[in-house]
Amino acid sequence: MTNAAHIDIAPVSDETIAALLTRRAQEAPDAVYCYFKESVISIGELNRRVDQLAGLLRDRGLRRGDRVALMLPSHPDHIVAIFALAKLALVRVPVNIHLKGASLAHLFDHLAPNALIADSEYAEPLRPELAKVQRVLWSKPTFDGLAEAPGSEFADDG
């Protein structure tokens, strides 16, 4: 019989990542979330962008558990998309931006995403896969254009 060491670990919060972002945006909206090139993005601004995209996704018919493929470069909009999916309890299907042809087809065939959010730079390699998804949102040059598209703000229903 072994003597197992006992380690006291604080209980893990049941707060979701989406709820954490919302709470932090309320508590410290001007706190810096990230720096990107010449831009500074605050927690409040991030949450505003996330809520806009989440509202658009909800208005386009996406519901809890739907799978959404993300094919986006390293850019703050990628983070916006990840948080927006979390706010709606959507399943993120990450797509490597370097995939093409059979590798890309395999991913779409086997993971069967309901929707795709992609940078329009990847439109050509994605073209054969577009018929496999119900909804496609293009992010180019940023989600700012999507934010101005018809749709409502996201409100957390609990």
C-alpha atoms as a PDB file:
ATOM      1  CA  MET A   1       0.000   0.000   0.000  1.00  0.00           C
ATOM      2  CA  THR A   2       1.382   3.400  -0.943  1.00  0.00           C
ATOM      3  CA  ASN A   3       1.133   6.632   0.936  1.00  0.00           C
ATOM      4  CA  ALA A   4      -0.462   9.075  -1.437  1.00  0.00           C
ATOM      5  CA  ALA A   5       0.260  12.712  -0.822  1.00  0.00           C
ATOM      6  CA  HIS A   6      -2.751  14.906  -0.255  1.00  0.00           C
ATOM      7  CA  ILE A   7      -2.855  18.162  -2.143  1.00  0.00           C
ATOM      8  CA  ASP A   8      -5.457  20.799  -1.385  1.00  0.00           C
ATOM      9  CA  ILE A   9      -6.756  22.239  -4.613  1.00  0.00           C
ATOM     10  CA  ALA A  10      -9.194  25.103  -4.768  1.00  0.00           C
ATOM     11  CA  PRO A  11     -12.512  24.173  -6.333  1.00  0.00           C
ATOM     12  CA  VAL A  12     -12.813  24.913 -10.020  1.00  0.00           C
ATOM     13  CA  SER A  13     -15.335  27.590 -10.911  1.00  0.00           C
ATOM     14  CA  ASP A  14     -18.245  26.582 -13.094  1.00  0.00           C
ATOM     15  CA  GLU A  15     -18.078  29.975 -14.843  1.00  0.00           C
ATOM     16  CA  THR A  16     -17.850  29.556 -18.605  1.00  0.00           C
ATOM     17  CA  ILE A  17     -15.263  31.341 -20.723  1.00  0.00           C
ATOM     18  CA  ALA A  18     -18.104  33.355 -22.280  1.00  0.00           C
ATOM     19  CA  ALA A  19     -19.408  34.413 -18.864  1.00  0.00           C
ATOM     20  CA  LEU A  20     -15.877  35.273 -17.762  1.00  0.00           C
ATOM     21  CA  LEU A  21     -15.408  37.584 -20.765  1.00  0.00           C
ATOM     22  CA  THR A  22     -18.754  39.296 -20.113  1.00  0.00           C
ATOM     23  CA  ARG A  23     -17.945  39.756 -16.425  1.00  0.00           C
ATOM     24  CA  ARG A  24     -14.467  41.130 -17.107  1.00  0.00           C
ATOM     25  CA  ALA A  25     -15.897  43.524 -19.719  1.00  0.00           C
ATOM     26  CA  GLN A  26     -18.305  44.856 -17.084  1.00  0.00           C
ATOM     27  CA  GLU A  27     -15.663  45.094 -14.343  1.00  0.00           C
ATOM     28  CA  ALA A  28     -12.807  46.599 -16.364  1.00  0.00           C
ATOM     29  CA  PRO A  29     -13.930  47.546 -19.886  1.00  0.00           C
ATOM     30  CA  ASP A  30     -10.829  49.644 -20.571  1.00  0.00           C
ATOM     31  CA  ALA A  31      -8.342  46.955 -19.539  1.00  0.00           C
ATOM     32  CA  VAL A  32      -6.099  45.919 -22.420  1.00  0.00           C
ATOM     33  CA  TYR A  33      -6.888  42.509 -23.864  1.00  0.00           C
ATOM     34  CA  CYS A  34      -4.240  42.509 -26.593  1.00  0.00           C
ATOM     35  CA  TYR A  35      -1.959  44.521 -28.800  1.00  0.00           C
ATOM     36  CA  PHE A  36      -1.999  43.788 -32.516  1.00  0.00           C
ATOM     37  CA  LYS A  37       0.228  45.710 -34.885  1.00  0.00           C
ATOM     38  CA  GLU A  38      -0.667  49.364 -34.209  1.00  0.00           C
ATOM     39  CA  SER A  39      -3.926  48.566 -32.397  1.00  0.00           C
ATOM     40  CA  VAL A  40      -4.827  48.150 -28.759  1.00  0.00           C
ATOM     41  CA  ILE A  41      -7.969  46.134 -28.074  1.00  0.00           C
ATOM     42  CA  SER A  42      -9.655  46.540 -24.709  1.00  0.00           C
ATOM     43  CA  ILE A  43     -11.729  43.898 -22.949  1.00  0.00           C
ATOM     44  CA  GLY A  44     -14.825  46.040 -23.505  1.00  0.00           C
ATOM     45  CA  GLU A  45     -14.136  46.395 -27.239  1.00  0.00           C
ATOM     46  CA  LEU A  46     -13.442  42.671 -27.560  1.00  0.00           C
ATOM     47  CA  ASN A  47     -16.709  41.842 -25.805  1.00  0.00           C
ATOM     48  CA  ARG A  48     -18.625  44.294 -28.037  1.00  0.00           C
ATOM     49  CA  ARG A  49     -17.200  42.661 -31.183  1.00  0.00           C
ATOM     50  CA  VAL A  50     -17.863  39.177 -29.798  1.00  0.00           C
ATOM     51  CA  ASP A  51     -21.483  40.067 -29.006  1.00  0.00           C
ATOM     52  CA  GLN A  52     -22.000  41.485 -32.514  1.00  0.00           C
ATOM     53  CA  LEU A  53     -20.676  38.345 -34.175  1.00  0.00           C
ATOM     54  CA  ALA A  54     -22.598  36.075 -31.774  1.00  0.00           C
ATOM     55  CA  GLY A  55     -25.796  37.987 -32.601  1.00  0.00           C
ATOM     56  CA  LEU A  56     -25.143  37.599 -36.311  1.00  0.00           C
ATOM     57  CA  LEU A  57     -24.460  33.862 -35.957  1.00  0.00           C
ATOM     58  CA  ARG A  58     -27.622  33.387 -33.896  1.00  0.00           C
ATOM     59  CA  ASP A  59     -29.638  35.400 -36.436  1.00  0.00           C
ATOM     60  CA  ARG A  60     -28.257  33.174 -39.202  1.00  0.00           C
ATOM     61  CA  GLY A  61     -29.793  30.178 -37.423  1.00  0.00           C
ATOM     62  CA  LEU A  62     -26.849  28.636 -35.575  1.00  0.00           C
ATOM     63  CA  ARG A  63     -27.813  26.933 -32.325  1.00  0.00           C
ATOM     64  CA  ARG A  64     -26.125  25.277 -29.354  1.00  0.00           C
ATOM     65  CA  GLY A  65     -24.046  22.295 -30.434  1.00  0.00           C
ATOM     66  CA  ASP A  66     -23.773  23.263 -34.109  1.00  0.00           C
ATOM     67  CA  ARG A  67     -20.269  22.765 -35.509  1.00  0.00           C
ATOM     68  CA  VAL A  68     -18.552  25.810 -36.997  1.00  0.00           C
ATOM     69  CA  ALA A  69     -15.326  25.498 -38.975  1.00  0.00           C
ATOM     70  CA  LEU A  70     -12.913  28.413 -38.479  1.00  0.00           C
ATOM     71  CA  MET A  71     -10.281  29.021 -41.140  1.00  0.00           C
ATOM     72  CA  LEU A  72      -8.772  32.304 -40.025  1.00  0.00           C
ATOM     73  CA  PRO A  73      -5.230  33.675 -39.815  1.00  0.00           C
ATOM     74  CA  SER A  74      -3.529  34.868 -36.639  1.00  0.00           C
ATOM     75  CA  HIS A  75      -5.544  38.029 -36.147  1.00  0.00           C
ATOM     76  CA  PRO A  76      -7.736  39.431 -33.341  1.00  0.00           C
ATOM     77  CA  ASP A  77     -10.827  38.470 -35.358  1.00  0.00           C
ATOM     78  CA  HIS A  78      -9.888  34.831 -34.818  1.00  0.00           C
ATOM     79  CA  ILE A  79     -10.179  35.440 -31.066  1.00  0.00           C
ATOM     80  CA  VAL A  80     -13.483  37.267 -31.633  1.00  0.00           C
ATOM     81  CA  ALA A  81     -14.813  34.224 -33.500  1.00  0.00           C
ATOM     82  CA  ILE A  82     -13.684  31.774 -30.800  1.00  0.00           C
ATOM     83  CA  PHE A  83     -15.399  33.786 -28.052  1.00  0.00           C
ATOM     84  CA  ALA A  84     -18.552  34.270 -30.185  1.00  0.00           C
ATOM     85  CA  LEU A  85     -18.809  30.509 -30.644  1.00  0.00           C
ATOM     86  CA  ALA A  86     -18.377  30.050 -26.893  1.00  0.00           C
ATOM     87  CA  LYS A  87     -21.163  32.536 -26.135  1.00  0.00           C
ATOM     88  CA  LEU A  88     -23.562  30.467 -28.242  1.00  0.00           C
ATOM     89  CA  ALA A  89     -22.224  27.071 -27.086  1.00  0.00           C
ATOM     90  CA  LEU A  90     -21.206  26.252 -30.658  1.00  0.00           C
ATOM     91  CA  VAL A  91     -18.514  23.680 -31.360  1.00  0.00           C
ATOM     92  CA  ARG A  92     -15.333  25.087 -32.912  1.00  0.00           C
ATOM     93  CA  VAL A  93     -13.786  23.053 -35.721  1.00  0.00           C
ATOM     94  CA  PRO A  94     -10.321  24.572 -36.227  1.00  0.00           C
ATOM     95  CA  VAL A  95      -9.094  24.420 -39.822  1.00  0.00           C
ATOM     96  CA  ASN A  96      -5.399  24.822 -40.545  1.00  0.00           C
ATOM     97  CA  ILE A  97      -4.963  27.666 -43.028  1.00  0.00           C
ATOM     98  CA  HIS A  98      -2.439  25.600 -45.001  1.00  0.00           C
ATOM     99  CA  LEU A  99      -4.811  22.702 -45.767  1.00  0.00           C
ATOM    100  CA  LYS A 100      -5.838  22.141 -49.378  1.00  0.00           C
ATOM    101  CA  GLY A 101      -7.353  19.459 -51.541  1.00  0.00           C
ATOM    102  CA  ALA A 102      -7.831  16.010 -50.031  1.00  0.00           C
ATOM    103  CA  SER A 103      -6.774  17.083 -46.532  1.00  0.00           C
ATOM    104  CA  LEU A 104      -9.354  19.852 -46.480  1.00  0.00           C
ATOM    105  CA  ALA A 105     -12.019  17.564 -47.972  1.00  0.00           C
ATOM    106  CA  HIS A 106     -11.307  14.921 -45.320  1.00  0.00           C
ATOM    107  CA  LEU A 107     -11.861  17.434 -42.535  1.00  0.00           C
ATOM    108  CA  PHE A 108     -15.174  18.670 -43.976  1.00  0.00           C
ATOM    109  CA  ASP A 109     -16.366  15.132 -44.795  1.00  0.00           C
ATOM    110  CA  HIS A 110     -15.636  13.690 -41.363  1.00  0.00           C
ATOM    111  CA  LEU A 111     -16.328  16.625 -39.040  1.00  0.00           C
ATOM    112  CA  ALA A 112     -19.333  17.853 -41.052  1.00  0.00           C
ATOM    113  CA  PRO A 113     -19.454  21.467 -39.873  1.00  0.00           C
ATOM    114  CA  ASN A 114     -22.817  23.241 -40.108  1.00  0.00           C
ATOM    115  CA  ALA A 115     -21.122  26.548 -40.900  1.00  0.00           C
ATOM    116  CA  LEU A 116     -17.812  28.035 -41.942  1.00  0.00           C
ATOM    117  CA  ILE A 117     -16.174  31.298 -40.916  1.00  0.00           C
ATOM    118  CA  ALA A 118     -13.155  31.955 -43.099  1.00  0.00           C
ATOM    119  CA  ASP A 119     -10.906  34.685 -44.370  1.00  0.00           C
ATOM    120  CA  SER A 120     -11.750  35.301 -48.021  1.00  0.00           C
ATOM    121  CA  GLU A 121      -8.046  34.780 -48.777  1.00  0.00           C
ATOM    122  CA  TYR A 122      -8.789  31.043 -48.478  1.00  0.00           C
ATOM    123  CA  ALA A 123     -11.813  31.088 -50.820  1.00  0.00           C
ATOM    124  CA  GLU A 124     -10.113  29.188 -53.638  1.00  0.00           C
ATOM    125  CA  PRO A 125      -8.981  26.119 -51.639  1.00  0.00           C
ATOM    126  CA  LEU A 126     -12.358  26.133 -49.843  1.00  0.00           C
ATOM    127  CA  ARG A 127     -14.457  26.323 -53.015  1.00  0.00           C
ATOM    128  CA  PRO A 128     -14.988  22.510 -53.335  1.00  0.00           C
ATOM    129  CA  GLU A 129     -16.074  22.321 -49.684  1.00  0.00           C
ATOM    130  CA  LEU A 130     -18.606  25.174 -49.666  1.00  0.00           C
ATOM    131  CA  ALA A 131     -21.515  22.967 -50.741  1.00  0.00           C
ATOM    132  CA  LYS A 132     -20.931  20.829 -47.637  1.00  0.00           C
ATOM    133  CA  VAL A 133     -21.845  23.609 -45.183  1.00  0.00           C
ATOM    134  CA  GLN A 134     -25.176  25.358 -44.675  1.00  0.00           C
ATOM    135  CA  ARG A 135     -23.778  28.812 -43.864  1.00  0.00           C
ATOM    136  CA  VAL A 136     -20.599  30.632 -44.859  1.00  0.00           C
ATOM    137  CA  LEU A 137     -19.304  33.907 -43.405  1.00  0.00           C
ATOM    138  CA  TRP A 138     -16.273  35.567 -44.967  1.00  0.00           C
ATOM    139  CA  SER A 139     -14.000  37.753 -42.866  1.00  0.00           C
ATOM    140  CA  LYS A 140     -12.148  40.203 -45.096  1.00  0.00           C
ATOM    141  CA  PRO A 141     -10.431  42.363 -44.272  1.00  0.00           C
ATOM    142  CA  THR A 142     -11.969  42.104 -40.782  1.00  0.00           C
ATOM    143  CA  PHE A 143     -15.280  41.315 -39.120  1.00  0.00           C
ATOM    144  CA  ASP A 144     -16.093  45.036 -39.123  1.00  0.00           C
ATOM    145  CA  GLY A 145     -18.084  44.518 -42.307  1.00  0.00           C
ATOM    146  CA  LEU A 146     -19.994  41.637 -40.763  1.00  0.00           C
ATOM    147  CA  ALA A 147     -20.763  43.745 -37.706  1.00  0.00           C
ATOM    148  CA  GLU A 148     -22.555  46.222 -39.967  1.00  0.00           C
ATOM    149  CA  ALA A 149     -24.562  43.486 -41.661  1.00  0.00           C
ATOM    150  CA  PRO A 150     -28.239  43.066 -40.728  1.00  0.00           C
ATOM    151  CA  GLY A 151     -28.546  41.257 -37.444  1.00  0.00           C
ATOM    152  CA  SER A 152     -29.156  41.982 -33.828  1.00  0.00           C
ATOM    153  CA  GLU A 153     -26.904  42.388 -30.866  1.00  0.00           C
ATOM    154  CA  PHE A 154     -26.256  39.258 -28.870  1.00  0.00           C
ATOM    155  CA  ALA A 155     -27.895  39.088 -25.469  1.00  0.00           C
ATOM    156  CA  ASP A 156     -27.014  36.203 -23.189  1.00  0.00           C
ATOM    157  CA  ASP A 157     -30.207  34.311 -22.459  1.00  0.00           C
ATOM    158  CA  GLY A 158     -28.692  32.742 -19.403  1.00  0.00           C
END
